[in-house]
């Protein structure tokens, strides 16, 4: 179909590997992802780590808030399974990462995450996504950050908000997107990213509408649609983590 759509792997390759782990990120890149989306939160001692939920219960069986644990405790309780952001940046060197900041982080939290990205020399390959409050915090922490503003209603973002956040992308739930919305986003000078279609039918519809980026749990499916000549030649995935990969 087209190779102009950016293929973004949602939390890595979560149907084969536990989400937001290094194996999951590496597998997605080996299978052709242009970028990997991953979630970042802070531990009690202010270390950014890769975790979507506010607790470790769903993925790691520990019903403790992340904010109540130090980075060393998280490492011990998960047998090293929850990587730090610095480790993830090192493991994906040369590739794009889309950092989702769940939980409406404040400016202090956003600044810590941005600082780690800078310290890792990855500012030119990292971009950020989340709702308005989180992205305002990122913009305050980094005037040059590339931002994908996540928007969950059909009503367009207010001009004042767009002026403050200065997003490159508007990031919509895929079911909201139709031709009128796609045309409006592009007419406003923004790129359109969507999340998270996992079926060929949905992906084909979105590609036909002219979206610029698709974030999916099924990176193989998207890659086969957008780059069929390359998908057959992809390298094999890494050996899976022996622990079962919970469904996204």
Foldseek 3Di string as FASTA:
>chain_A
DAQQAQEEEEQAQQQFAAGVFLLRNQQLVLQPHQEYEFEWDAALVGFIWTDDDQACCPPQNDGDGRNDGHPVRVCVSRVNGIGTPLVNCVSQPPGAYEYEYPDLDALVSLLSVVVSCVVSVNQVRYAYEDALSNLLSNCVNPVPGAYAHEDEDPDDDDPVSCVSNVHQEHEYALVSDDLVSCVVQVVVNHAYEYDEDEDLVSLVRVVVSPHRYYYYSHSLSNCCVHPVVCSVVRDHRDDYDPDRRDDD
